[in-house]
Amino acid sequence: EQARDAVVEIARRGPFGRLREVLLLHRSSQCNHPTKVRKCF
C-alpha cells in the first residue's frame, strides 16, 4: 500500500501521463505474494 500510494503521488507531481513504467522491487517471499501485489495495484 505504501508503494502504491508513492506511485500515485509521484505521478501526480509530474506532468500528466509522463510516468509510464513502474518496476516493483524486493518482494518478501514470506510476507508477500504476487497475487497480493496485483490486487493492490
PDB file of all heavy atoms in Angstrom:
ATOM      1  N   GLU A   1       0.822  -1.212   0.000  1.00  0.00           N
ATOM      2  CA  GLU A   1       0.000   0.000   0.000  1.00  0.00           C
ATOM      3  C   GLU A   1       0.857   1.264   0.000  1.00  0.00           C
ATOM      4  O   GLU A   1       0.526   2.250  -0.674  1.00  0.00           O
ATOM      5  CB  GLU A   1      -0.929  -0.002   1.220  1.00  0.00           C
ATOM      6  CG  GLU A   1      -2.051  -1.021   1.164  1.00  0.00           C
ATOM      7  CD  GLU A   1      -1.575  -2.448   1.436  1.00  0.00           C
ATOM      8  OE1 GLU A   1      -0.462  -2.603   1.984  1.00  0.00           O
ATOM      9  OE2 GLU A   1      -2.319  -3.389   1.105  1.00  0.00           O
ATOM     10  N   GLN A   2       1.955   1.248   0.745  1.00  0.00           N
ATOM     11  CA  GLN A   2       2.850   2.407   0.753  1.00  0.00           C
ATOM     12  C   GLN A   2       3.475   2.623  -0.624  1.00  0.00           C
ATOM     13  O   GLN A   2       3.618   3.759  -1.072  1.00  0.00           O
ATOM     14  CB  GLN A   2       3.945   2.210   1.805  1.00  0.00           C
ATOM     15  CG  GLN A   2       3.477   2.368   3.237  1.00  0.00           C
ATOM     16  CD  GLN A   2       4.582   2.025   4.232  1.00  0.00           C
ATOM     17  OE1 GLN A   2       5.157   0.934   4.198  1.00  0.00           O
ATOM     18  NE2 GLN A   2       4.885   2.963   5.112  1.00  0.00           N
ATOM     19  N   ALA A   3       3.847   1.540  -1.279  1.00  0.00           N
ATOM     20  CA  ALA A   3       4.419   1.658  -2.614  1.00  0.00           C
ATOM     21  C   ALA A   3       3.392   2.203  -3.602  1.00  0.00           C
ATOM     22  O   ALA A   3       3.703   3.073  -4.418  1.00  0.00           O
ATOM     23  CB  ALA A   3       4.937   0.299  -3.086  1.00  0.00           C
ATOM     24  N   ARG A   4       2.175   1.706  -3.530  1.00  0.00           N
ATOM     25  CA  ARG A   4       1.111   2.186  -4.425  1.00  0.00           C
ATOM     26  C   ARG A   4       0.844   3.666  -4.201  1.00  0.00           C
ATOM     27  O   ARG A   4       0.736   4.441  -5.167  1.00  0.00           O
ATOM     28  CB  ARG A   4      -0.176   1.395  -4.193  1.00  0.00           C
ATOM     29  CG  ARG A   4      -1.347   1.820  -5.083  1.00  0.00           C
ATOM     30  CD  ARG A   4      -2.654   1.299  -4.539  1.00  0.00           C
ATOM     31  NE  ARG A   4      -2.899   1.802  -3.186  1.00  0.00           N
ATOM     32  CZ  ARG A   4      -3.736   1.228  -2.320  1.00  0.00           C
ATOM     33  NH1 ARG A   4      -4.384   0.130  -2.646  1.00  0.00           N
ATOM     34  NH2 ARG A   4      -3.901   1.754  -1.114  1.00  0.00           N
ATOM     35  N   ASP A   5       0.743   4.080  -2.946  1.00  0.00           N
ATOM     36  CA  ASP A   5       0.494   5.495  -2.656  1.00  0.00           C
ATOM     37  C   ASP A   5       1.639   6.366  -3.176  1.00  0.00           C
ATOM     38  O   ASP A   5       1.417   7.479  -3.662  1.00  0.00           O
ATOM     39  CB  ASP A   5       0.327   5.708  -1.148  1.00  0.00           C
ATOM     40  CG  ASP A   5      -0.947   5.061  -0.612  1.00  0.00           C
ATOM     41  OD1 ASP A   5      -1.823   4.689  -1.425  1.00  0.00           O
ATOM     42  OD2 ASP A   5      -1.056   4.901   0.627  1.00  0.00           O
ATOM     43  N   ALA A   6       2.878   5.859  -3.084  1.00  0.00           N
ATOM     44  CA  ALA A   6       4.022   6.618  -3.585  1.00  0.00           C
ATOM     45  C   ALA A   6       3.950   6.763  -5.097  1.00  0.00           C
ATOM     46  O   ALA A   6       4.243   7.838  -5.642  1.00  0.00           O
ATOM     47  CB  ALA A   6       5.325   5.926  -3.180  1.00  0.00           C
ATOM     48  N   VAL A   7       3.571   5.704  -5.793  1.00  0.00           N
ATOM     49  CA  VAL A   7       3.440   5.772  -7.252  1.00  0.00           C
ATOM     50  C   VAL A   7       2.409   6.825  -7.647  1.00  0.00           C
ATOM     51  O   VAL A   7       2.642   7.650  -8.539  1.00  0.00           O
ATOM     52  CB  VAL A   7       3.054   4.391  -7.829  1.00  0.00           C
ATOM     53  CG1 VAL A   7       2.688   4.514  -9.312  1.00  0.00           C
ATOM     54  CG2 VAL A   7       4.192   3.398  -7.649  1.00  0.00           C
ATOM     55  N   VAL A   8       1.271   6.811  -6.967  1.00  0.00           N
ATOM     56  CA  VAL A   8       0.205   7.780  -7.274  1.00  0.00           C
ATOM     57  C   VAL A   8       0.690   9.206  -7.041  1.00  0.00           C
ATOM     58  O   VAL A   8       0.485  10.098  -7.874  1.00  0.00           O
ATOM     59  CB  VAL A   8      -1.045   7.493  -6.413  1.00  0.00           C
ATOM     60  CG1 VAL A   8      -2.066   8.615  -6.558  1.00  0.00           C
ATOM     61  CG2 VAL A   8      -1.665   6.159  -6.814  1.00  0.00           C
ATOM     62  N   GLU A   9       1.367   9.442  -5.925  1.00  0.00           N
ATOM     63  CA  GLU A   9       1.801  10.798  -5.591  1.00  0.00           C
ATOM     64  C   GLU A   9       2.926  11.266  -6.508  1.00  0.00           C
ATOM     65  O   GLU A   9       2.961  12.439  -6.914  1.00  0.00           O
ATOM     66  CB  GLU A   9       2.256  10.850  -4.132  1.00  0.00           C
ATOM     67  CG  GLU A   9       2.631  12.232  -3.635  1.00  0.00           C
ATOM     68  CD  GLU A   9       1.489  13.235  -3.713  1.00  0.00           C
ATOM     69  OE1 GLU A   9       0.318  12.800  -3.719  1.00  0.00           O
ATOM     70  OE2 GLU A   9       1.789  14.461  -3.787  1.00  0.00           O
ATOM     71  N   ILE A  10       3.849  10.389  -6.859  1.00  0.00           N
ATOM     72  CA  ILE A  10       4.933  10.773  -7.767  1.00  0.00           C
ATOM     73  C   ILE A  10       4.378  11.093  -9.142  1.00  0.00           C
ATOM     74  O   ILE A  10       4.797  12.061  -9.789  1.00  0.00           O
ATOM     75  CB  ILE A  10       5.984   9.646  -7.831  1.00  0.00           C
ATOM     76  CG1 ILE A  10       6.752   9.574  -6.502  1.00  0.00           C
ATOM     77  CG2 ILE A  10       6.959   9.865  -8.988  1.00  0.00           C
ATOM     78  CD1 ILE A  10       7.602   8.331  -6.349  1.00  0.00           C
ATOM     79  N   ALA A  11       3.417  10.302  -9.603  1.00  0.00           N
ATOM     80  CA  ALA A  11       2.782  10.590 -10.894  1.00  0.00           C
ATOM     81  C   ALA A  11       2.043  11.925 -10.854  1.00  0.00           C
ATOM     82  O   ALA A  11       2.065  12.698 -11.816  1.00  0.00           O
ATOM     83  CB  ALA A  11       1.831   9.464 -11.276  1.00  0.00           C
ATOM     84  N   ARG A  12       1.396  12.207  -9.723  1.00  0.00           N
ATOM     85  CA  ARG A  12       0.636  13.455  -9.599  1.00  0.00           C
ATOM     86  C   ARG A  12       1.550  14.670  -9.620  1.00  0.00           C
ATOM     87  O   ARG A  12       1.166  15.732 -10.139  1.00  0.00           O
ATOM     88  CB  ARG A  12      -0.170  13.433  -8.296  1.00  0.00           C
ATOM     89  CG  ARG A  12      -1.142  14.598  -8.148  1.00  0.00           C
ATOM     90  CD  ARG A  12      -1.770  14.621  -6.770  1.00  0.00           C
ATOM     91  NE  ARG A  12      -0.805  14.976  -5.747  1.00  0.00           N
ATOM     92  CZ  ARG A  12      -0.431  16.230  -5.475  1.00  0.00           C
ATOM     93  NH1 ARG A  12      -0.932  17.251  -6.158  1.00  0.00           N
ATOM     94  NH2 ARG A  12       0.440  16.465  -4.509  1.00  0.00           N
ATOM     95  N   ARG A  13       2.757  14.538  -9.093  1.00  0.00           N
ATOM     96  CA  ARG A  13       3.667  15.680  -9.009  1.00  0.00           C
ATOM     97  C   ARG A  13       4.399  15.955 -10.320  1.00  0.00           C
ATOM     98  O   ARG A  13       5.104  16.958 -10.422  1.00  0.00           O
ATOM     99  CB  ARG A  13       4.681  15.461  -7.885  1.00  0.00           C
ATOM    100  CG  ARG A  13       4.035  15.378  -6.508  1.00  0.00           C
ATOM    101  CD  ARG A  13       5.035  15.450  -5.377  1.00  0.00           C
ATOM    102  NE  ARG A  13       4.362  15.307  -4.091  1.00  0.00           N
ATOM    103  CZ  ARG A  13       4.864  15.714  -2.936  1.00  0.00           C
ATOM    104  NH1 ARG A  13       6.064  16.293  -2.909  1.00  0.00           N
ATOM    105  NH2 ARG A  13       4.193  15.549  -1.808  1.00  0.00           N
ATOM    106  N   GLY A  14       4.269  15.096 -11.305  1.00  0.00           N
ATOM    107  CA  GLY A  14       4.884  15.316 -12.606  1.00  0.00           C
ATOM    108  C   GLY A  14       3.837  15.657 -13.641  1.00  0.00           C
ATOM    109  O   GLY A  14       2.633  15.658 -13.361  1.00  0.00           O
ATOM    110  N   PRO A  15       4.262  15.960 -14.870  1.00  0.00           N
ATOM    111  CA  PRO A  15       3.307  16.212 -15.951  1.00  0.00           C
ATOM    112  C   PRO A  15       2.380  15.021 -16.146  1.00  0.00           C
ATOM    113  O   PRO A  15       2.806  13.867 -16.028  1.00  0.00           O
ATOM    114  CB  PRO A  15       4.200  16.436 -17.171  1.00  0.00           C
ATOM    115  CG  PRO A  15       5.520  16.853 -16.608  1.00  0.00           C
ATOM    116  CD  PRO A  15       5.655  16.119 -15.309  1.00  0.00           C
ATOM    117  N   PHE A  16       1.153  15.286 -16.493  1.00  0.00           N
ATOM    118  CA  PHE A  16       0.150  14.223 -16.634  1.00  0.00           C
ATOM    119  C   PHE A  16       0.591  13.208 -17.687  1.00  0.00           C
ATOM    120  O   PHE A  16       0.927  13.564 -18.814  1.00  0.00           O
ATOM    121  CB  PHE A  16      -1.201  14.821 -17.031  1.00  0.00           C
ATOM    122  CG  PHE A  16      -2.262  13.789 -17.284  1.00  0.00           C
ATOM    123  CD1 PHE A  16      -2.864  13.143 -16.225  1.00  0.00           C
ATOM    124  CD2 PHE A  16      -2.622  13.436 -18.581  1.00  0.00           C
ATOM    125  CE1 PHE A  16      -3.844  12.187 -16.452  1.00  0.00           C
ATOM    126  CE2 PHE A  16      -3.584  12.485 -18.813  1.00  0.00           C
ATOM    127  CZ  PHE A  16      -4.205  11.854 -17.739  1.00  0.00           C
ATOM    128  N   GLY A  17       0.596  11.942 -17.295  1.00  0.00           N
ATOM    129  CA  GLY A  17       0.899  10.875 -18.238  1.00  0.00           C
ATOM    130  C   GLY A  17       2.368  10.607 -18.460  1.00  0.00           C
ATOM    131  O   GLY A  17       2.722   9.728 -19.248  1.00  0.00           O
ATOM    132  N   ARG A  18       3.261  11.328 -17.780  1.00  0.00           N
ATOM    133  CA  ARG A  18       4.678  11.138 -18.062  1.00  0.00           C
ATOM    134  C   ARG A  18       5.207   9.836 -17.459  1.00  0.00           C
ATOM    135  O   ARG A  18       6.008   9.143 -18.087  1.00  0.00           O
ATOM    136  CB  ARG A  18       5.494  12.315 -17.544  1.00  0.00           C
ATOM    137  CG  ARG A  18       6.993  12.097 -17.710  1.00  0.00           C
ATOM    138  CD  ARG A  18       7.787  13.348 -17.815  1.00  0.00           C
ATOM    139  NE  ARG A  18       9.189  13.054 -18.114  1.00  0.00           N
ATOM    140  CZ  ARG A  18      10.107  13.980 -18.348  1.00  0.00           C
ATOM    141  NH1 ARG A  18       9.756  15.263 -18.331  1.00  0.00           N
ATOM    142  NH2 ARG A  18      11.346  13.637 -18.611  1.00  0.00           N
ATOM    143  N   LEU A  19       4.822   9.506 -16.235  1.00  0.00           N
ATOM    144  CA  LEU A  19       5.295   8.285 -15.603  1.00  0.00           C
ATOM    145  C   LEU A  19       4.659   7.089 -16.311  1.00  0.00           C
ATOM    146  O   LEU A  19       3.457   6.844 -16.201  1.00  0.00           O
ATOM    147  CB  LEU A  19       4.943   8.267 -14.116  1.00  0.00           C
ATOM    148  CG  LEU A  19       5.429   7.054 -13.316  1.00  0.00           C
ATOM    149  CD1 LEU A  19       6.937   6.906 -13.386  1.00  0.00           C
ATOM    150  CD2 LEU A  19       4.969   7.140 -11.866  1.00  0.00           C
ATOM    151  N   ARG A  20       5.478   6.347 -17.052  1.00  0.00           N
ATOM    152  CA  ARG A  20       4.946   5.305 -17.927  1.00  0.00           C
ATOM    153  C   ARG A  20       5.267   3.890 -17.483  1.00  0.00           C
ATOM    154  O   ARG A  20       4.588   2.953 -17.875  1.00  0.00           O
ATOM    155  CB  ARG A  20       5.494   5.505 -19.351  1.00  0.00           C
ATOM    156  CG  ARG A  20       4.951   6.733 -20.049  1.00  0.00           C
ATOM    157  CD  ARG A  20       5.764   7.047 -21.293  1.00  0.00           C
ATOM    158  NE  ARG A  20       6.977   7.801 -20.966  1.00  0.00           N
ATOM    159  CZ  ARG A  20       7.985   7.977 -21.811  1.00  0.00           C
ATOM    160  NH1 ARG A  20       7.938   7.432 -23.009  1.00  0.00           N
ATOM    161  NH2 ARG A  20       9.042   8.687 -21.463  1.00  0.00           N
ATOM    162  N   GLU A  21       6.328   3.692 -16.714  1.00  0.00           N
ATOM    163  CA  GLU A  21       6.741   2.349 -16.325  1.00  0.00           C
ATOM    164  C   GLU A  21       7.013   2.303 -14.823  1.00  0.00           C
ATOM    165  O   GLU A  21       7.649   3.204 -14.273  1.00  0.00           O
ATOM    166  CB  GLU A  21       8.017   1.927 -17.070  1.00  0.00           C
ATOM    167  CG  GLU A  21       7.897   1.932 -18.591  1.00  0.00           C
ATOM    168  CD  GLU A  21       7.065   0.775 -19.121  1.00  0.00           C
ATOM    169  OE1 GLU A  21       6.678  -0.104 -18.320  1.00  0.00           O
ATOM    170  OE2 GLU A  21       6.795   0.743 -20.334  1.00  0.00           O
ATOM    171  N   VAL A  22       6.518   1.246 -14.168  1.00  0.00           N
ATOM    172  CA  VAL A  22       6.753   1.037 -12.739  1.00  0.00           C
ATOM    173  C   VAL A  22       7.298  -0.371 -12.551  1.00  0.00           C
ATOM    174  O   VAL A  22       6.703  -1.352 -13.018  1.00  0.00           O
ATOM    175  CB  VAL A  22       5.464   1.236 -11.910  1.00  0.00           C
ATOM    176  CG1 VAL A  22       5.729   0.927 -10.432  1.00  0.00           C
ATOM    177  CG2 VAL A  22       4.932   2.653 -12.078  1.00  0.00           C
ATOM    178  N   LEU A  23       8.423  -0.474 -11.871  1.00  0.00           N
ATOM    179  CA  LEU A  23       9.071  -1.750 -11.589  1.00  0.00           C
ATOM    180  C   LEU A  23       9.080  -1.946 -10.076  1.00  0.00           C
ATOM    181  O   LEU A  23       9.662  -1.140  -9.349  1.00  0.00           O
ATOM    182  CB  LEU A  23      10.497  -1.738 -12.144  1.00  0.00           C
ATOM    183  CG  LEU A  23      11.258  -3.057 -12.233  1.00  0.00           C
ATOM    184  CD1 LEU A  23      10.585  -3.996 -13.224  1.00  0.00           C
ATOM    185  CD2 LEU A  23      12.700  -2.804 -12.659  1.00  0.00           C
ATOM    186  N   LEU A  24       8.436  -2.996  -9.594  1.00  0.00           N
ATOM    187  CA  LEU A  24       8.309  -3.239  -8.158  1.00  0.00           C
ATOM    188  C   LEU A  24       9.414  -4.181  -7.690  1.00  0.00           C
ATOM    189  O   LEU A  24       9.594  -5.272  -8.230  1.00  0.00           O
ATOM    190  CB  LEU A  24       6.934  -3.834  -7.834  1.00  0.00           C
ATOM    191  CG  LEU A  24       5.733  -2.964  -8.224  1.00  0.00           C
ATOM    192  CD1 LEU A  24       4.432  -3.683  -7.884  1.00  0.00           C
ATOM    193  CD2 LEU A  24       5.787  -1.603  -7.552  1.00  0.00           C
ATOM    194  N   LEU A  25      10.135  -3.765  -6.656  1.00  0.00           N
ATOM    195  CA  LEU A  25      11.335  -4.453  -6.194  1.00  0.00           C
ATOM    196  C   LEU A  25      11.123  -5.149  -4.848  1.00  0.00           C
ATOM    197  O   LEU A  25      10.207  -4.797  -4.090  1.00  0.00           O
ATOM    198  CB  LEU A  25      12.493  -3.456  -6.041  1.00  0.00           C
ATOM    199  CG  LEU A  25      12.830  -2.564  -7.239  1.00  0.00           C
ATOM    200  CD1 LEU A  25      13.774  -1.446  -6.807  1.00  0.00           C
ATOM    201  CD2 LEU A  25      13.438  -3.386  -8.364  1.00  0.00           C
ATOM    202  N   HIS A  26      12.006  -6.114  -4.563  1.00  0.00           N
ATOM    203  CA  HIS A  26      12.260  -6.615  -3.200  1.00  0.00           C
ATOM    204  C   HIS A  26      11.026  -7.208  -2.527  1.00  0.00           C
ATOM    205  O   HIS A  26      10.802  -7.001  -1.324  1.00  0.00           O
ATOM    206  CB  HIS A  26      12.836  -5.493  -2.342  1.00  0.00           C
ATOM    207  CG  HIS A  26      13.871  -5.951  -1.351  1.00  0.00           C
ATOM    208  ND1 HIS A  26      13.640  -6.936  -0.426  1.00  0.00           N
ATOM    209  CD2 HIS A  26      15.150  -5.546  -1.141  1.00  0.00           C
ATOM    210  CE1 HIS A  26      14.713  -7.120   0.309  1.00  0.00           C
ATOM    211  NE2 HIS A  26      15.658  -6.294  -0.118  1.00  0.00           N
ATOM    212  N   ARG A  27      10.213  -7.962  -3.253  1.00  0.00           N
ATOM    213  CA  ARG A  27       9.047  -8.604  -2.646  1.00  0.00           C
ATOM    214  C   ARG A  27       9.493  -9.697  -1.685  1.00  0.00           C
ATOM    215  O   ARG A  27      10.297 -10.560  -2.018  1.00  0.00           O
ATOM    216  CB  ARG A  27       8.145  -9.178  -3.739  1.00  0.00           C
ATOM    217  CG  ARG A  27       6.961  -9.990  -3.196  1.00  0.00           C
ATOM    218  CD  ARG A  27       5.987 -10.341  -4.301  1.00  0.00           C
ATOM    219  NE  ARG A  27       6.637 -10.919  -5.452  1.00  0.00           N
ATOM    220  CZ  ARG A  27       6.965 -12.205  -5.559  1.00  0.00           C
ATOM    221  NH1 ARG A  27       6.738 -13.031  -4.540  1.00  0.00           N
ATOM    222  NH2 ARG A  27       7.527 -12.656  -6.658  1.00  0.00           N
ATOM    223  N   SER A  28       8.945  -9.676  -0.476  1.00  0.00           N
ATOM    224  CA  SER A  28       9.269 -10.679   0.530  1.00  0.00           C
ATOM    225  C   SER A  28       8.666 -12.022   0.136  1.00  0.00           C
ATOM    226  O   SER A  28       7.496 -12.107  -0.241  1.00  0.00           O
ATOM    227  CB  SER A  28       8.741 -10.245   1.896  1.00  0.00           C
ATOM    228  OG  SER A  28       8.849 -11.297   2.834  1.00  0.00           O
ATOM    229  N   SER A  29       9.453 -13.088   0.264  1.00  0.00           N
ATOM    230  CA  SER A  29       8.953 -14.426  -0.061  1.00  0.00           C
ATOM    231  C   SER A  29       8.088 -14.986   1.064  1.00  0.00           C
ATOM    232  O   SER A  29       7.267 -15.881   0.832  1.00  0.00           O
ATOM    233  CB  SER A  29      10.121 -15.373  -0.335  1.00  0.00           C
ATOM    234  OG  SER A  29      10.977 -15.463   0.794  1.00  0.00           O
ATOM    235  N   GLN A  30       8.247 -14.466   2.285  1.00  0.00           N
ATOM    236  CA  GLN A  30       7.500 -14.963   3.432  1.00  0.00           C
ATOM    237  C   GLN A  30       6.276 -14.117   3.758  1.00  0.00           C
ATOM    238  O   GLN A  30       5.286 -14.642   4.266  1.00  0.00           O
ATOM    239  CB  GLN A  30       8.409 -15.020   4.665  1.00  0.00           C
ATOM    240  CG  GLN A  30       9.548 -16.027   4.563  1.00  0.00           C
ATOM    241  CD  GLN A  30      10.424 -15.999   5.799  1.00  0.00           C
ATOM    242  OE1 GLN A  30      10.977 -14.965   6.159  1.00  0.00           O
ATOM    243  NE2 GLN A  30      10.549 -17.143   6.467  1.00  0.00           N
ATOM    244  N   CYS A  31       6.360 -12.823   3.498  1.00  0.00           N
ATOM    245  CA  CYS A  31       5.307 -11.911   3.946  1.00  0.00           C
ATOM    246  C   CYS A  31       4.652 -11.147   2.800  1.00  0.00           C
ATOM    247  O   CYS A  31       4.135 -10.045   2.995  1.00  0.00           O
ATOM    248  CB  CYS A  31       5.868 -10.926   4.976  1.00  0.00           C
ATOM    249  SG  CYS A  31       6.436 -11.746   6.481  1.00  0.00           S
ATOM    250  N   ASN A  32       4.704 -11.723   1.602  1.00  0.00           N
ATOM    251  CA  ASN A  32       4.039 -11.108   0.456  1.00  0.00           C
ATOM    252  C   ASN A  32       3.792 -12.192  -0.580  1.00  0.00           C
ATOM    253  O   ASN A  32       4.349 -13.290  -0.493  1.00  0.00           O
ATOM    254  CB  ASN A  32       4.888  -9.981  -0.126  1.00  0.00           C
ATOM    255  CG  ASN A  32       4.051  -8.908  -0.800  1.00  0.00           C
ATOM    256  OD1 ASN A  32       2.855  -9.076  -1.018  1.00  0.00           O
ATOM    257  ND2 ASN A  32       4.672  -7.792  -1.121  1.00  0.00           N
ATOM    258  N   HIS A  33       2.980 -11.853  -1.569  1.00  0.00           N
ATOM    259  CA  HIS A  33       2.669 -12.822  -2.623  1.00  0.00           C
ATOM    260  C   HIS A  33       2.317 -12.046  -3.889  1.00  0.00           C
ATOM    261  O   HIS A  33       1.712 -10.959  -3.805  1.00  0.00           O
ATOM    262  CB  HIS A  33       1.491 -13.707  -2.203  1.00  0.00           C
ATOM    263  CG  HIS A  33       1.278 -14.881  -3.098  1.00  0.00           C
ATOM    264  ND1 HIS A  33       0.522 -14.804  -4.253  1.00  0.00           N
ATOM    265  CD2 HIS A  33       1.734 -16.159  -3.016  1.00  0.00           C
ATOM    266  CE1 HIS A  33       0.518 -15.983  -4.848  1.00  0.00           C
ATOM    267  NE2 HIS A  33       1.244 -16.826  -4.127  1.00  0.00           N
ATOM    268  N   PRO A  34       2.687 -12.556  -5.070  1.00  0.00           N
ATOM    269  CA  PRO A  34       2.362 -11.833  -6.309  1.00  0.00           C
ATOM    270  C   PRO A  34       0.883 -11.482  -6.440  1.00  0.00           C
ATOM    271  O   PRO A  34       0.538 -10.408  -6.953  1.00  0.00           O
ATOM    272  CB  PRO A  34       2.795 -12.820  -7.403  1.00  0.00           C
ATOM    273  CG  PRO A  34       3.878 -13.630  -6.777  1.00  0.00           C
ATOM    274  CD  PRO A  34       3.499 -13.768  -5.336  1.00  0.00           C
ATOM    275  N   THR A  35       0.003 -12.372  -5.959  1.00  0.00           N
ATOM    276  CA  THR A  35      -1.431 -12.083  -6.028  1.00  0.00           C
ATOM    277  C   THR A  35      -1.792 -10.881  -5.163  1.00  0.00           C
ATOM    278  O   THR A  35      -2.621 -10.041  -5.549  1.00  0.00           O
ATOM    279  CB  THR A  35      -2.248 -13.312  -5.583  1.00  0.00           C
ATOM    280  OG1 THR A  35      -1.903 -14.431  -6.387  1.00  0.00           O
ATOM    281  CG2 THR A  35      -3.736 -13.039  -5.707  1.00  0.00           C
ATOM    282  N   LYS A  36      -1.186 -10.782  -3.988  1.00  0.00           N
ATOM    283  CA  LYS A  36      -1.423  -9.636  -3.110  1.00  0.00           C
ATOM    284  C   LYS A  36      -0.981  -8.341  -3.785  1.00  0.00           C
ATOM    285  O   LYS A  36      -1.662  -7.309  -3.702  1.00  0.00           O
ATOM    286  CB  LYS A  36      -0.662  -9.812  -1.789  1.00  0.00           C
ATOM    287  CG  LYS A  36      -1.122 -10.982  -0.937  1.00  0.00           C
ATOM    288  CD  LYS A  36      -2.406 -10.655  -0.192  1.00  0.00           C
ATOM    289  CE  LYS A  36      -2.736 -11.745   0.808  1.00  0.00           C
ATOM    290  NZ  LYS A  36      -3.994 -11.443   1.554  1.00  0.00           N
ATOM    291  N   VAL A  37       0.174  -8.383  -4.449  1.00  0.00           N
ATOM    292  CA  VAL A  37       0.689  -7.194  -5.125  1.00  0.00           C
ATOM    293  C   VAL A  37      -0.237  -6.798  -6.269  1.00  0.00           C
ATOM    294  O   VAL A  37      -0.584  -5.624  -6.429  1.00  0.00           O
ATOM    295  CB  VAL A  37       2.116  -7.438  -5.646  1.00  0.00           C
ATOM    296  CG1 VAL A  37       2.644  -6.202  -6.354  1.00  0.00           C
ATOM    297  CG2 VAL A  37       3.048  -7.819  -4.489  1.00  0.00           C
ATOM    298  N   ARG A  38      -0.632  -7.777  -7.093  1.00  0.00           N
ATOM    299  CA  ARG A  38      -1.522  -7.480  -8.225  1.00  0.00           C
ATOM    300  C   ARG A  38      -2.839  -6.883  -7.747  1.00  0.00           C
ATOM    301  O   ARG A  38      -3.346  -5.924  -8.341  1.00  0.00           O
ATOM    302  CB  ARG A  38      -1.778  -8.746  -9.031  1.00  0.00           C
ATOM    303  CG  ARG A  38      -0.624  -9.161  -9.930  1.00  0.00           C
ATOM    304  CD  ARG A  38      -1.076 -10.196 -10.952  1.00  0.00           C
ATOM    305  NE  ARG A  38      -1.461 -11.439 -10.310  1.00  0.00           N
ATOM    306  CZ  ARG A  38      -0.613 -12.450 -10.063  1.00  0.00           C
ATOM    307  NH1 ARG A  38       0.657 -12.339 -10.419  1.00  0.00           N
ATOM    308  NH2 ARG A  38      -1.041 -13.547  -9.483  1.00  0.00           N
ATOM    309  N   LYS A  39      -3.376  -7.423  -6.680  1.00  0.00           N
ATOM    310  CA  LYS A  39      -4.649  -6.908  -6.159  1.00  0.00           C
ATOM    311  C   LYS A  39      -4.499  -5.472  -5.677  1.00  0.00           C
ATOM    312  O   LYS A  39      -5.380  -4.630  -5.885  1.00  0.00           O
ATOM    313  CB  LYS A  39      -5.141  -7.805  -5.025  1.00  0.00           C
ATOM    314  CG  LYS A  39      -6.494  -7.395  -4.460  1.00  0.00           C
ATOM    315  CD  LYS A  39      -6.954  -8.366  -3.384  1.00  0.00           C
ATOM    316  CE  LYS A  39      -8.308  -7.946  -2.812  1.00  0.00           C
ATOM    317  NZ  LYS A  39      -8.769  -8.895  -1.742  1.00  0.00           N
ATOM    318  N   CYS A  40      -3.369  -5.183  -5.038  1.00  0.00           N
ATOM    319  CA  CYS A  40      -3.135  -3.842  -4.507  1.00  0.00           C
ATOM    320  C   CYS A  40      -3.026  -2.806  -5.626  1.00  0.00           C
ATOM    321  O   CYS A  40      -3.511  -1.686  -5.495  1.00  0.00           O
ATOM    322  CB  CYS A  40      -1.873  -3.838  -3.648  1.00  0.00           C
ATOM    323  SG  CYS A  40      -1.505  -2.255  -2.867  1.00  0.00           S
ATOM    324  N   PHE A  41      -2.384  -3.189  -6.745  1.00  0.00           N
ATOM    325  CA  PHE A  41      -2.151  -2.239  -7.831  1.00  0.00           C
ATOM    326  C   PHE A  41      -3.192  -2.327  -8.942  1.00  0.00           C
ATOM    327  O   PHE A  41      -3.107  -1.581  -9.923  1.00  0.00           O
ATOM    328  CB  PHE A  41      -0.754  -2.466  -8.430  1.00  0.00           C
ATOM    329  CG  PHE A  41       0.359  -1.914  -7.585  1.00  0.00           C
ATOM    330  CD1 PHE A  41       0.864  -2.631  -6.516  1.00  0.00           C
ATOM    331  CD2 PHE A  41       0.895  -0.665  -7.860  1.00  0.00           C
ATOM    332  CE1 PHE A  41       1.885  -2.124  -5.728  1.00  0.00           C
ATOM    333  CE2 PHE A  41       1.911  -0.138  -7.078  1.00  0.00           C
ATOM    334  CZ  PHE A  41       2.410  -0.876  -6.004  1.00  0.00           C
TER     335      PHE A  41
END
